Amino acid sequence: MFPNYQVPAAELLRNSLGIKTGAVGLIQTGRQAEEILQNGRADMVLIGREMLKDPFWVRTAADDLQVAIPVPAQYTRYGSAWQRSQPKLPPAPMDATVIR
């Protein structure tokens, strides 16, 4: 297996059939995911193994892309070294972090 190994299949289906596709297959970094989306290779990126290895993969990807993301309100109670290193943004609204 190699990085992005399933992405060509998603790209082919998206372009040939005109349907929305999700890319999978050894997508490890935020830069990989962003390249897939920005180049129209898929409509969404699904992360599996990397989320198992790093439950905070979204935060890691944001750091990789040098993008500040709002910290969910639940995480602001205790703070962390990562949180202190981020630009000060308002916490995400509670209703945005609740799964309905």
PDB file of N, CA and C in Angstrom:
ATOM      1  N   MET A   1       0.837  -1.183   0.000  1.00  0.00           N
ATOM      2  CA  MET A   1       0.000   0.000   0.000  1.00  0.00           C
ATOM      3  C   MET A   1       0.882   1.246   0.000  1.00  0.00           C
ATOM      4  N   PHE A   2       0.372   2.284  -0.597  1.00  0.00           N
ATOM      5  CA  PHE A   2       1.088   3.548  -0.684  1.00  0.00           C
ATOM      6  C   PHE A   2       0.102   4.674  -0.366  1.00  0.00           C
ATOM      7  N   PRO A   3       0.583   5.857   0.024  1.00  0.00           N
ATOM      8  CA  PRO A   3      -0.328   6.949   0.368  1.00  0.00           C
ATOM      9  C   PRO A   3      -1.309   7.255  -0.766  1.00  0.00           C
ATOM     10  N   ASN A   4      -2.534   7.503  -0.375  1.00  0.00           N
ATOM     11  CA  ASN A   4      -3.616   7.870  -1.318  1.00  0.00           C
ATOM     12  C   ASN A   4      -3.976   6.753  -2.288  1.00  0.00           C
ATOM     13  N   TYR A   5      -3.721   5.507  -1.946  1.00  0.00           N
ATOM     14  CA  TYR A   5      -3.874   4.432  -2.920  1.00  0.00           C
ATOM     15  C   TYR A   5      -5.305   4.237  -3.408  1.00  0.00           C
ATOM     16  N   GLN A   6      -6.322   4.683  -2.686  1.00  0.00           N
ATOM     17  CA  GLN A   6      -7.705   4.545  -3.134  1.00  0.00           C
ATOM     18  C   GLN A   6      -8.238   5.812  -3.815  1.00  0.00           C
ATOM     19  N   VAL A   7      -7.486   6.897  -3.752  1.00  0.00           N
ATOM     20  CA  VAL A   7      -7.956   8.181  -4.285  1.00  0.00           C
ATOM     21  C   VAL A   7      -8.240   8.131  -5.788  1.00  0.00           C
ATOM     22  N   PRO A   8      -7.416   7.489  -6.604  1.00  0.00           N
ATOM     23  CA  PRO A   8      -7.742   7.443  -8.040  1.00  0.00           C
ATOM     24  C   PRO A   8      -9.116   6.825  -8.327  1.00  0.00           C
ATOM     25  N   ALA A   9      -9.538   5.858  -7.540  1.00  0.00           N
ATOM     26  CA  ALA A   9     -10.861   5.256  -7.742  1.00  0.00           C
ATOM     27  C   ALA A   9     -11.955   6.278  -7.446  1.00  0.00           C
ATOM     28  N   ALA A  10     -11.804   7.029  -6.365  1.00  0.00           N
ATOM     29  CA  ALA A  10     -12.788   8.068  -6.036  1.00  0.00           C
ATOM     30  C   ALA A  10     -12.827   9.128  -7.127  1.00  0.00           C
ATOM     31  N   GLU A  11     -11.660   9.497  -7.610  1.00  0.00           N
ATOM     32  CA  GLU A  11     -11.572  10.512  -8.665  1.00  0.00           C
ATOM     33  C   GLU A  11     -12.239  10.024  -9.955  1.00  0.00           C
ATOM     34  N   LEU A  12     -11.995   8.777 -10.311  1.00  0.00           N
ATOM     35  CA  LEU A  12     -12.588   8.208 -11.519  1.00  0.00           C
ATOM     36  C   LEU A  12     -14.112   8.185 -11.425  1.00  0.00           C
ATOM     37  N   LEU A  13     -14.641   7.723 -10.306  1.00  0.00           N
ATOM     38  CA  LEU A  13     -16.096   7.679 -10.126  1.00  0.00           C
ATOM     39  C   LEU A  13     -16.693   9.081 -10.136  1.00  0.00           C
ATOM     40  N   ARG A  14     -16.027  10.003  -9.477  1.00  0.00           N
ATOM     41  CA  ARG A  14     -16.524  11.379  -9.411  1.00  0.00           C
ATOM     42  C   ARG A  14     -16.595  11.997 -10.801  1.00  0.00           C
ATOM     43  N   ASN A  15     -15.539  11.818 -11.580  1.00  0.00           N
ATOM     44  CA  ASN A  15     -15.487  12.429 -12.909  1.00  0.00           C
ATOM     45  C   ASN A  15     -16.317  11.688 -13.948  1.00  0.00           C
ATOM     46  N   SER A  16     -16.365  10.379 -13.879  1.00  0.00           N
ATOM     47  CA  SER A  16     -17.091   9.590 -14.881  1.00  0.00           C
ATOM     48  C   SER A  16     -18.599   9.609 -14.667  1.00  0.00           C
ATOM     49  N   LEU A  17     -19.011   9.476 -13.412  1.00  0.00           N
ATOM     50  CA  LEU A  17     -20.435   9.359 -13.118  1.00  0.00           C
ATOM     51  C   LEU A  17     -21.053  10.646 -12.578  1.00  0.00           C
ATOM     52  N   GLY A  18     -20.201  11.587 -12.209  1.00  0.00           N
ATOM     53  CA  GLY A  18     -20.708  12.843 -11.668  1.00  0.00           C
ATOM     54  C   GLY A  18     -21.368  12.703 -10.314  1.00  0.00           C
ATOM     55  N   ILE A  19     -20.906  11.735  -9.533  1.00  0.00           N
ATOM     56  CA  ILE A  19     -21.475  11.546  -8.195  1.00  0.00           C
ATOM     57  C   ILE A  19     -20.482  12.036  -7.140  1.00  0.00           C
ATOM     58  N   LYS A  20     -20.996  12.323  -5.974  1.00  0.00           N
ATOM     59  CA  LYS A  20     -20.134  12.735  -4.868  1.00  0.00           C
ATOM     60  C   LYS A  20     -19.374  11.511  -4.363  1.00  0.00           C
ATOM     61  N   THR A  21     -18.084  11.705  -4.081  1.00  0.00           N
ATOM     62  CA  THR A  21     -17.265  10.585  -3.609  1.00  0.00           C
ATOM     63  C   THR A  21     -16.471  10.998  -2.377  1.00  0.00           C
ATOM     64  N   GLY A  22     -16.070  10.005  -1.626  1.00  0.00           N
ATOM     65  CA  GLY A  22     -15.186  10.192  -0.492  1.00  0.00           C
ATOM     66  C   GLY A  22     -13.901   9.437  -0.735  1.00  0.00           C
ATOM     67  N   ALA A  23     -12.790  10.074  -0.445  1.00  0.00           N
ATOM     68  CA  ALA A  23     -11.489   9.446  -0.660  1.00  0.00           C
ATOM     69  C   ALA A  23     -11.009   8.796   0.629  1.00  0.00           C
ATOM     70  N   VAL A  24     -10.445   7.624   0.497  1.00  0.00           N
ATOM     71  CA  VAL A  24      -9.856   6.887   1.613  1.00  0.00           C
ATOM     72  C   VAL A  24      -8.526   6.323   1.140  1.00  0.00           C
ATOM     73  N   GLY A  25      -7.809   5.676   2.029  1.00  0.00           N
ATOM     74  CA  GLY A  25      -6.629   4.937   1.604  1.00  0.00           C
ATOM     75  C   GLY A  25      -5.311   5.551   1.988  1.00  0.00           C
ATOM     76  N   LEU A  26      -4.927   5.390   3.244  1.00  0.00           N
ATOM     77  CA  LEU A  26      -3.620   5.816   3.742  1.00  0.00           C
ATOM     78  C   LEU A  26      -3.405   7.330   3.587  1.00  0.00           C
ATOM     79  N   ILE A  27      -4.428   8.076   3.932  1.00  0.00           N
ATOM     80  CA  ILE A  27      -4.321   9.532   3.963  1.00  0.00           C
ATOM     81  C   ILE A  27      -3.859   9.873   5.370  1.00  0.00           C
ATOM     82  N   GLN A  28      -2.640  10.403   5.476  1.00  0.00           N
ATOM     83  CA  GLN A  28      -2.009  10.555   6.776  1.00  0.00           C
ATOM     84  C   GLN A  28      -1.866  11.989   7.256  1.00  0.00           C
ATOM     85  N   THR A  29      -1.815  12.943   6.351  1.00  0.00           N
ATOM     86  CA  THR A  29      -1.542  14.318   6.766  1.00  0.00           C
ATOM     87  C   THR A  29      -2.634  15.264   6.284  1.00  0.00           C
ATOM     88  N   GLY A  30      -2.684  16.405   6.917  1.00  0.00           N
ATOM     89  CA  GLY A  30      -3.611  17.437   6.503  1.00  0.00           C
ATOM     90  C   GLY A  30      -3.326  17.919   5.096  1.00  0.00           C
ATOM     91  N   ARG A  31      -2.056  17.962   4.747  1.00  0.00           N
ATOM     92  CA  ARG A  31      -1.694  18.406   3.395  1.00  0.00           C
ATOM     93  C   ARG A  31      -2.207  17.438   2.336  1.00  0.00           C
ATOM     94  N   GLN A  32      -2.138  16.145   2.604  1.00  0.00           N
ATOM     95  CA  GLN A  32      -2.685  15.161   1.671  1.00  0.00           C
ATOM     96  C   GLN A  32      -4.181  15.379   1.495  1.00  0.00           C
ATOM     97  N   ALA A  33      -4.886  15.499   2.602  1.00  0.00           N
ATOM     98  CA  ALA A  33      -6.336  15.675   2.556  1.00  0.00           C
ATOM     99  C   ALA A  33      -6.701  16.955   1.815  1.00  0.00           C
ATOM    100  N   GLU A  34      -6.007  18.029   2.096  1.00  0.00           N
ATOM    101  CA  GLU A  34      -6.291  19.313   1.451  1.00  0.00           C
ATOM    102  C   GLU A  34      -6.019  19.250  -0.049  1.00  0.00           C
ATOM    103  N   GLU A  35      -4.961  18.570  -0.457  1.00  0.00           N
ATOM    104  CA  GLU A  35      -4.652  18.437  -1.887  1.00  0.00           C
ATOM    105  C   GLU A  35      -5.771  17.704  -2.610  1.00  0.00           C
ATOM    106  N   ILE A  36      -6.294  16.663  -2.011  1.00  0.00           N
ATOM    107  CA  ILE A  36      -7.374  15.888  -2.622  1.00  0.00           C
ATOM    108  C   ILE A  36      -8.602  16.772  -2.834  1.00  0.00           C
ATOM    109  N   LEU A  37      -8.953  17.539  -1.820  1.00  0.00           N
ATOM    110  CA  LEU A  37     -10.139  18.391  -1.912  1.00  0.00           C
ATOM    111  C   LEU A  37      -9.927  19.560  -2.867  1.00  0.00           C
ATOM    112  N   GLN A  38      -8.794  20.228  -2.758  1.00  0.00           N
ATOM    113  CA  GLN A  38      -8.540  21.410  -3.583  1.00  0.00           C
ATOM    114  C   GLN A  38      -8.433  21.076  -5.068  1.00  0.00           C
ATOM    115  N   ASN A  39      -7.958  19.889  -5.388  1.00  0.00           N
ATOM    116  CA  ASN A  39      -7.811  19.493  -6.791  1.00  0.00           C
ATOM    117  C   ASN A  39      -9.026  18.748  -7.327  1.00  0.00           C
ATOM    118  N   GLY A  40     -10.098  18.705  -6.541  1.00  0.00           N
ATOM    119  CA  GLY A  40     -11.334  18.089  -7.009  1.00  0.00           C
ATOM    120  C   GLY A  40     -11.246  16.603  -7.230  1.00  0.00           C
ATOM    121  N   ARG A  41     -10.376  15.941  -6.488  1.00  0.00           N
ATOM    122  CA  ARG A  41     -10.227  14.489  -6.657  1.00  0.00           C
ATOM    123  C   ARG A  41     -11.309  13.725  -5.913  1.00  0.00           C
ATOM    124  N   ALA A  42     -11.933  14.359  -4.908  1.00  0.00           N
ATOM    125  CA  ALA A  42     -13.036  13.780  -4.143  1.00  0.00           C
ATOM    126  C   ALA A  42     -13.775  14.921  -3.458  1.00  0.00           C
ATOM    127  N   ASP A  43     -14.965  14.616  -2.981  1.00  0.00           N
ATOM    128  CA  ASP A  43     -15.769  15.638  -2.313  1.00  0.00           C
ATOM    129  C   ASP A  43     -15.546  15.663  -0.810  1.00  0.00           C
ATOM    130  N   MET A  44     -15.056  14.580  -0.272  1.00  0.00           N
ATOM    131  CA  MET A  44     -14.727  14.522   1.150  1.00  0.00           C
ATOM    132  C   MET A  44     -13.586  13.534   1.348  1.00  0.00           C
ATOM    133  N   VAL A  45     -12.927  13.673   2.471  1.00  0.00           N
ATOM    134  CA  VAL A  45     -11.822  12.783   2.815  1.00  0.00           C
ATOM    135  C   VAL A  45     -12.209  12.072   4.107  1.00  0.00           C
ATOM    136  N   LEU A  46     -12.059  10.768   4.116  1.00  0.00           N
ATOM    137  CA  LEU A  46     -12.389   9.953   5.279  1.00  0.00           C
ATOM    138  C   LEU A  46     -11.089   9.408   5.870  1.00  0.00           C
ATOM    139  N   ILE A  47     -10.903   9.651   7.149  1.00  0.00           N
ATOM    140  CA  ILE A  47      -9.667   9.258   7.822  1.00  0.00           C
ATOM    141  C   ILE A  47      -9.981   8.091   8.758  1.00  0.00           C
ATOM    142  N   GLY A  48      -9.214   7.024   8.657  1.00  0.00           N
ATOM    143  CA  GLY A  48      -9.444   5.849   9.489  1.00  0.00           C
ATOM    144  C   GLY A  48      -8.299   5.569  10.433  1.00  0.00           C
ATOM    145  N   ARG A  49      -7.281   4.886   9.945  1.00  0.00           N
ATOM    146  CA  ARG A  49      -6.173   4.457  10.801  1.00  0.00           C
ATOM    147  C   ARG A  49      -5.483   5.612  11.514  1.00  0.00           C
ATOM    148  N   GLU A  50      -5.350   6.728  10.815  1.00  0.00           N
ATOM    149  CA  GLU A  50      -4.664   7.864  11.443  1.00  0.00           C
ATOM    150  C   GLU A  50      -5.443   8.387  12.641  1.00  0.00           C
ATOM    151  N   MET A  51      -6.788   8.322  12.579  1.00  0.00           N
ATOM    152  CA  MET A  51      -7.592   8.753  13.725  1.00  0.00           C
ATOM    153  C   MET A  51      -7.450   7.770  14.886  1.00  0.00           C
ATOM    154  N   LEU A  52      -7.210   6.510  14.572  1.00  0.00           N
ATOM    155  CA  LEU A  52      -6.970   5.542  15.641  1.00  0.00           C
ATOM    156  C   LEU A  52      -5.618   5.794  16.300  1.00  0.00           C
ATOM    157  N   LYS A  53      -4.623   6.147  15.500  1.00  0.00           N
ATOM    158  CA  LYS A  53      -3.293   6.440  16.032  1.00  0.00           C
ATOM    159  C   LYS A  53      -3.266   7.764  16.781  1.00  0.00           C
ATOM    160  N   ASP A  54      -3.998   8.743  16.263  1.00  0.00           N
ATOM    161  CA  ASP A  54      -3.997  10.096  16.834  1.00  0.00           C
ATOM    162  C   ASP A  54      -5.438  10.590  16.910  1.00  0.00           C
ATOM    163  N   PRO A  55      -6.102  10.416  18.058  1.00  0.00           N
ATOM    164  CA  PRO A  55      -7.490  10.843  18.181  1.00  0.00           C
ATOM    165  C   PRO A  55      -7.692  12.340  17.944  1.00  0.00           C
ATOM    166  N   PHE A  56      -6.616  13.102  18.034  1.00  0.00           N
ATOM    167  CA  PHE A  56      -6.689  14.543  17.776  1.00  0.00           C
ATOM    168  C   PHE A  56      -6.126  14.858  16.393  1.00  0.00           C
ATOM    169  N   TRP A  57      -6.344  13.958  15.438  1.00  0.00           N
ATOM    170  CA  TRP A  57      -5.811  14.128  14.091  1.00  0.00           C
ATOM    171  C   TRP A  57      -6.243  15.447  13.466  1.00  0.00           C
ATOM    172  N   VAL A  58      -7.446  15.870  13.715  1.00  0.00           N
ATOM    173  CA  VAL A  58      -7.921  17.129  13.131  1.00  0.00           C
ATOM    174  C   VAL A  58      -7.043  18.278  13.606  1.00  0.00           C
ATOM    175  N   ARG A  59      -6.706  18.266  14.876  1.00  0.00           N
ATOM    176  CA  ARG A  59      -5.818  19.290  15.426  1.00  0.00           C
ATOM    177  C   ARG A  59      -4.431  19.187  14.791  1.00  0.00           C
ATOM    178  N   THR A  60      -3.931  17.980  14.639  1.00  0.00           N
ATOM    179  CA  THR A  60      -2.631  17.762  14.011  1.00  0.00           C
ATOM    180  C   THR A  60      -2.645  18.248  12.563  1.00  0.00           C
ATOM    181  N   ALA A  61      -3.736  17.965  11.844  1.00  0.00           N
ATOM    182  CA  ALA A  61      -3.856  18.408  10.452  1.00  0.00           C
ATOM    183  C   ALA A  61      -3.910  19.932  10.376  1.00  0.00           C
ATOM    184  N   ALA A  62      -4.617  20.558  11.302  1.00  0.00           N
ATOM    185  CA  ALA A  62      -4.681  22.026  11.319  1.00  0.00           C
ATOM    186  C   ALA A  62      -3.293  22.613  11.546  1.00  0.00           C
ATOM    187  N   ASP A  63      -2.528  22.008  12.434  1.00  0.00           N
ATOM    188  CA  ASP A  63      -1.152  22.460  12.658  1.00  0.00           C
ATOM    189  C   ASP A  63      -0.319  22.280  11.386  1.00  0.00           C
ATOM    190  N   ASP A  64      -0.502  21.147  10.703  1.00  0.00           N
ATOM    191  CA  ASP A  64       0.223  20.865   9.464  1.00  0.00           C
ATOM    192  C   ASP A  64      -0.076  21.926   8.406  1.00  0.00           C
ATOM    193  N   LEU A  65      -1.331  22.356   8.343  1.00  0.00           N
ATOM    194  CA  LEU A  65      -1.753  23.352   7.357  1.00  0.00           C
ATOM    195  C   LEU A  65      -1.602  24.787   7.865  1.00  0.00           C
ATOM    196  N   GLN A  66      -1.136  24.927   9.094  1.00  0.00           N
ATOM    197  CA  GLN A  66      -0.966  26.234   9.738  1.00  0.00           C
ATOM    198  C   GLN A  66      -2.275  27.015   9.736  1.00  0.00           C
ATOM    199  N   VAL A  67      -3.341  26.330  10.159  1.00  0.00           N
ATOM    200  CA  VAL A  67      -4.667  26.912  10.247  1.00  0.00           C
ATOM    201  C   VAL A  67      -5.101  26.875  11.715  1.00  0.00           C
ATOM    202  N   ALA A  68      -5.641  27.975  12.199  1.00  0.00           N
ATOM    203  CA  ALA A  68      -6.175  28.005  13.559  1.00  0.00           C
ATOM    204  C   ALA A  68      -7.615  27.504  13.521  1.00  0.00           C
ATOM    205  N   ILE A  69      -7.951  26.617  14.432  1.00  0.00           N
ATOM    206  CA  ILE A  69      -9.321  26.112  14.512  1.00  0.00           C
ATOM    207  C   ILE A  69      -9.866  26.423  15.895  1.00  0.00           C
ATOM    208  N   PRO A  70     -11.176  26.695  16.000  1.00  0.00           N
ATOM    209  CA  PRO A  70     -11.733  26.949  17.322  1.00  0.00           C
ATOM    210  C   PRO A  70     -11.672  25.685  18.175  1.00  0.00           C
ATOM    211  N   VAL A  71     -11.406  25.875  19.435  1.00  0.00           N
ATOM    212  CA  VAL A  71     -11.338  24.758  20.372  1.00  0.00           C
ATOM    213  C   VAL A  71     -12.741  24.500  20.890  1.00  0.00           C
ATOM    214  N   PRO A  72     -13.231  23.250  20.850  1.00  0.00           N
ATOM    215  CA  PRO A  72     -14.550  22.976  21.404  1.00  0.00           C
ATOM    216  C   PRO A  72     -14.625  23.436  22.861  1.00  0.00           C
ATOM    217  N   ALA A  73     -15.770  23.971  23.228  1.00  0.00           N
ATOM    218  CA  ALA A  73     -15.932  24.534  24.569  1.00  0.00           C
ATOM    219  C   ALA A  73     -15.571  23.527  25.664  1.00  0.00           C
ATOM    220  N   GLN A  74     -15.853  22.253  25.431  1.00  0.00           N
ATOM    221  CA  GLN A  74     -15.562  21.233  26.432  1.00  0.00           C
ATOM    222  C   GLN A  74     -14.072  21.146  26.749  1.00  0.00           C
ATOM    223  N   TYR A  75     -13.210  21.505  25.795  1.00  0.00           N
ATOM    224  CA  TYR A  75     -11.773  21.362  25.973  1.00  0.00           C
ATOM    225  C   TYR A  75     -11.136  22.588  26.620  1.00  0.00           C
ATOM    226  N   THR A  76     -11.874  23.667  26.757  1.00  0.00           N
ATOM    227  CA  THR A  76     -11.276  24.892  27.284  1.00  0.00           C
ATOM    228  C   THR A  76     -11.174  24.881  28.804  1.00  0.00           C
ATOM    229  N   ARG A  77     -11.796  23.938  29.444  1.00  0.00           N
ATOM    230  CA  ARG A  77     -11.823  23.900  30.905  1.00  0.00           C
ATOM    231  C   ARG A  77     -10.431  23.655  31.491  1.00  0.00           C
ATOM    232  N   TYR A  78      -9.675  22.749  30.927  1.00  0.00           N
ATOM    233  CA  TYR A  78      -8.403  22.357  31.521  1.00  0.00           C
ATOM    234  C   TYR A  78      -7.188  22.957  30.824  1.00  0.00           C
ATOM    235  N   GLY A  79      -7.320  23.289  29.558  1.00  0.00           N
ATOM    236  CA  GLY A  79      -6.190  23.844  28.820  1.00  0.00           C
ATOM    237  C   GLY A  79      -5.176  22.765  28.465  1.00  0.00           C
ATOM    238  N   SER A  80      -4.257  23.122  27.614  1.00  0.00           N
ATOM    239  CA  SER A  80      -3.200  22.199  27.221  1.00  0.00           C
ATOM    240  C   SER A  80      -2.084  23.006  26.593  1.00  0.00           C
ATOM    241  N   ALA A  81      -0.928  22.380  26.441  1.00  0.00           N
ATOM    242  CA  ALA A  81       0.198  23.065  25.802  1.00  0.00           C
ATOM    243  C   ALA A  81      -0.172  23.437  24.375  1.00  0.00           C
ATOM    244  N   TRP A  82      -0.878  22.553  23.674  1.00  0.00           N
ATOM    245  CA  TRP A  82      -1.286  22.863  22.305  1.00  0.00           C
ATOM    246  C   TRP A  82      -2.222  24.062  22.293  1.00  0.00           C
ATOM    247  N   GLN A  83      -3.190  24.050  23.188  1.00  0.00           N
ATOM    248  CA  GLN A  83      -4.172  25.131  23.212  1.00  0.00           C
ATOM    249  C   GLN A  83      -3.495  26.471  23.495  1.00  0.00           C
ATOM    250  N   ARG A  84      -2.524  26.479  24.400  1.00  0.00           N
ATOM    251  CA  ARG A  84      -1.833  27.730  24.722  1.00  0.00           C
ATOM    252  C   ARG A  84      -1.002  28.238  23.553  1.00  0.00           C
ATOM    253  N   SER A  85      -0.618  27.351  22.634  1.00  0.00           N
ATOM    254  CA  SER A  85       0.213  27.758  21.502  1.00  0.00           C
ATOM    255  C   SER A  85      -0.611  28.304  20.339  1.00  0.00           C
ATOM    256  N   GLN A  86      -1.931  28.198  20.416  1.00  0.00           N
ATOM    257  CA  GLN A  86      -2.794  28.617  19.316  1.00  0.00           C
ATOM    258  C   GLN A  86      -3.205  30.078  19.450  1.00  0.00           C
ATOM    259  N   PRO A  87      -3.508  30.739  18.318  1.00  0.00           N
ATOM    260  CA  PRO A  87      -4.039  32.102  18.399  1.00  0.00           C
ATOM    261  C   PRO A  87      -5.342  32.090  19.191  1.00  0.00           C
ATOM    262  N   LYS A  88      -5.630  33.161  19.855  1.00  0.00           N
ATOM    263  CA  LYS A  88      -6.836  33.234  20.678  1.00  0.00           C
ATOM    264  C   LYS A  88      -8.057  33.392  19.774  1.00  0.00           C
ATOM    265  N   LEU A  89      -8.904  32.377  19.760  1.00  0.00           N
ATOM    266  CA  LEU A  89     -10.159  32.401  19.029  1.00  0.00           C
ATOM    267  C   LEU A  89     -11.276  32.184  20.039  1.00  0.00           C
ATOM    268  N   PRO A  90     -12.468  32.664  19.743  1.00  0.00           N
ATOM    269  CA  PRO A  90     -13.565  32.369  20.670  1.00  0.00           C
ATOM    270  C   PRO A  90     -13.855  30.871  20.651  1.00  0.00           C
ATOM    271  N   PRO A  91     -14.282  30.299  21.770  1.00  0.00           N
ATOM    272  CA  PRO A  91     -14.614  28.884  21.782  1.00  0.00           C
ATOM    273  C   PRO A  91     -15.748  28.606  20.802  1.00  0.00           C
ATOM    274  N   ALA A  92     -15.776  27.405  20.259  1.00  0.00           N
ATOM    275  CA  ALA A  92     -16.874  27.015  19.382  1.00  0.00           C
ATOM    276  C   ALA A  92     -18.162  27.015  20.195  1.00  0.00           C
ATOM    277  N   PRO A  93     -19.284  27.453  19.613  1.00  0.00           N
ATOM    278  CA  PRO A  93     -20.540  27.431  20.361  1.00  0.00           C
ATOM    279  C   PRO A  93     -20.910  26.022  20.739  1.00  0.00           C
ATOM    280  N   MET A  94     -21.512  25.866  21.910  1.00  0.00           N
ATOM    281  CA  MET A  94     -21.866  24.539  22.394  1.00  0.00           C
ATOM    282  C   MET A  94     -22.806  23.811  21.440  1.00  0.00           C
ATOM    283  N   ASP A  95     -23.748  24.510  20.829  1.00  0.00           N
ATOM    284  CA  ASP A  95     -24.684  23.832  19.945  1.00  0.00           C
ATOM    285  C   ASP A  95     -23.995  23.289  18.696  1.00  0.00           C
ATOM    286  N   ALA A  96     -22.836  23.838  18.342  1.00  0.00           N
ATOM    287  CA  ALA A  96     -22.083  23.351  17.179  1.00  0.00           C
ATOM    288  C   ALA A  96     -21.324  22.078  17.498  1.00  0.00           C
ATOM    289  N   THR A  97     -21.133  21.779  18.776  1.00  0.00           N
ATOM    290  CA  THR A  97     -20.343  20.601  19.144  1.00  0.00           C
ATOM    291  C   THR A  97     -21.217  19.452  19.646  1.00  0.00           C
ATOM    292  N   VAL A  98     -22.526  19.646  19.664  1.00  0.00           N
ATOM    293  CA  VAL A  98     -23.436  18.604  20.143  1.00  0.00           C
ATOM    294  C   VAL A  98     -23.936  17.810  18.954  1.00  0.00           C
ATOM    295  N   ILE A  99     -23.830  16.504  19.054  1.00  0.00           N
ATOM    296  CA  ILE A  99     -24.338  15.629  17.993  1.00  0.00           C
ATOM    297  C   ILE A  99     -25.810  15.386  18.261  1.00  0.00           C
ATOM    298  N   ARG A 100     -26.601  15.666  17.271  1.00  0.00           N
ATOM    299  CA  ARG A 100     -28.062  15.494  17.439  1.00  0.00           C
ATOM    300  C   ARG A 100     -28.510  14.237  16.757  1.00  0.00           C
TER     301      ARG A 100
END
